[in-house]
Amino acid sequence: MAERKVTVEAEVGLHARPAATFVQAAAKADIDVTVARQGGEPVNAKSILMVMGLDVRQGETIVIRAEGEGAEELLDELAAIASAP
């Protein structure tokens, strides 16, 4: 299991366009991916409604986990999306 802690820098947190881009990237690979607010319950990162339902705001830290071949590379990509301003 690979993991990244990322501070969300998007002006609107993980909502609308940032969330859609995040989910599209997560859905690309045949890897189980979850995202959670720090200390919160993980949700499936391949569902736009679940990710948007996290209500993550700018400056909050999220934890992204993935398991499977290519998980490290996928997490790097997802971390870059989540931390982009």
Protein backbone atom coordinates (compact mmCIF):
# COMPACT_ATOMS: atom_id res chain seq x y z
CA MET A 1 0.00 0.00 0.00
CA ALA A 2 1.43 3.37 -1.06
CA GLU A 3 0.38 6.62 0.60
CA ARG A 4 0.77 10.38 0.12
CA LYS A 5 -0.23 13.23 2.45
CA VAL A 6 -1.08 16.27 0.37
CA THR A 7 -2.11 19.79 1.29
CA VAL A 8 -4.90 20.88 -1.05
CA GLU A 9 -4.01 24.21 -2.63
CA ALA A 10 -6.83 24.51 -5.16
CA GLU A 11 -8.77 27.70 -4.48
CA VAL A 12 -12.02 25.75 -4.13
CA GLY A 13 -10.60 22.62 -2.53
CA LEU A 14 -11.49 19.30 -4.13
CA HIS A 15 -14.69 20.49 -5.79
CA ALA A 16 -15.99 20.70 -9.34
CA ARG A 17 -13.15 20.83 -11.84
CA PRO A 18 -10.28 19.80 -9.51
CA ALA A 19 -12.32 16.84 -8.26
CA ALA A 20 -13.29 15.79 -11.79
CA THR A 21 -9.66 15.87 -12.92
CA PHE A 22 -8.60 13.95 -9.80
CA VAL A 23 -11.23 11.25 -10.37
CA GLN A 24 -10.37 10.93 -14.08
CA ALA A 25 -6.72 10.37 -13.18
CA ALA A 26 -7.64 7.83 -10.48
CA ALA A 27 -9.90 5.95 -12.89
CA LYS A 28 -7.15 5.54 -15.51
CA ALA A 29 -5.44 2.64 -13.76
CA ASP A 30 -6.64 -0.73 -12.56
CA ILE A 31 -5.61 0.18 -9.01
CA ASP A 32 -7.66 0.59 -5.85
CA VAL A 33 -7.40 4.24 -4.80
CA THR A 34 -8.87 5.96 -1.75
CA VAL A 35 -8.77 9.54 -0.51
CA ALA A 36 -9.55 10.82 2.98
CA ARG A 37 -9.38 13.97 5.01
CA GLN A 38 -6.58 13.65 7.54
CA GLY A 39 -7.95 11.40 10.29
CA GLY A 40 -11.14 10.74 8.34
CA GLU A 41 -12.64 7.68 6.70
CA PRO A 42 -11.28 6.83 3.24
CA VAL A 43 -13.61 6.95 0.23
CA ASN A 44 -13.27 5.52 -3.25
CA ALA A 45 -11.29 8.04 -5.33
CA LYS A 46 -12.89 6.82 -8.55
CA SER A 47 -16.27 8.35 -7.71
CA ILE A 48 -16.78 12.07 -8.35
CA LEU A 49 -19.63 12.23 -5.83
CA MET A 50 -17.58 10.58 -3.10
CA VAL A 51 -14.57 12.86 -3.65
CA MET A 52 -16.71 16.00 -3.81
CA GLY A 53 -18.57 14.78 -0.72
CA LEU A 54 -15.33 15.03 1.27
CA ASP A 55 -15.80 18.83 1.23
CA VAL A 56 -12.04 19.39 1.39
CA ARG A 57 -11.09 23.06 1.60
CA GLN A 58 -7.97 24.93 0.57
CA GLY A 59 -5.15 24.31 3.04
CA GLU A 60 -6.54 21.01 4.36
CA THR A 61 -4.45 17.86 4.23
CA ILE A 62 -5.76 14.75 2.51
CA VAL A 63 -4.35 11.24 2.54
CA ILE A 64 -4.32 9.34 -0.76
CA ARG A 65 -3.68 5.60 -0.73
CA ALA A 66 -3.30 3.18 -3.63
CA GLU A 67 -2.49 -0.47 -3.94
CA GLY A 68 -1.34 -2.30 -7.03
CA GLU A 69 1.22 -2.12 -9.80
CA GLY A 70 1.96 1.50 -10.69
CA ALA A 71 0.50 2.85 -7.44
CA GLU A 72 3.50 5.09 -6.69
CA GLU A 73 3.33 6.81 -10.09
CA LEU A 74 -0.43 7.24 -9.87
CA LEU A 75 -0.15 8.77 -6.39
CA ASP A 76 2.46 11.21 -7.67
CA GLU A 77 0.04 12.31 -10.39
CA LEU A 78 -2.91 12.60 -7.99
CA ALA A 79 -0.81 14.53 -5.46
CA ALA A 80 0.20 16.99 -8.19
CA ILE A 81 -3.47 17.54 -9.12
CA ALA A 82 -4.58 18.03 -5.51
CA SER A 83 -1.75 20.42 -4.65
CA ALA A 84 -1.97 22.57 -7.79
CA PRO A 85 -3.14 26.13 -7.12
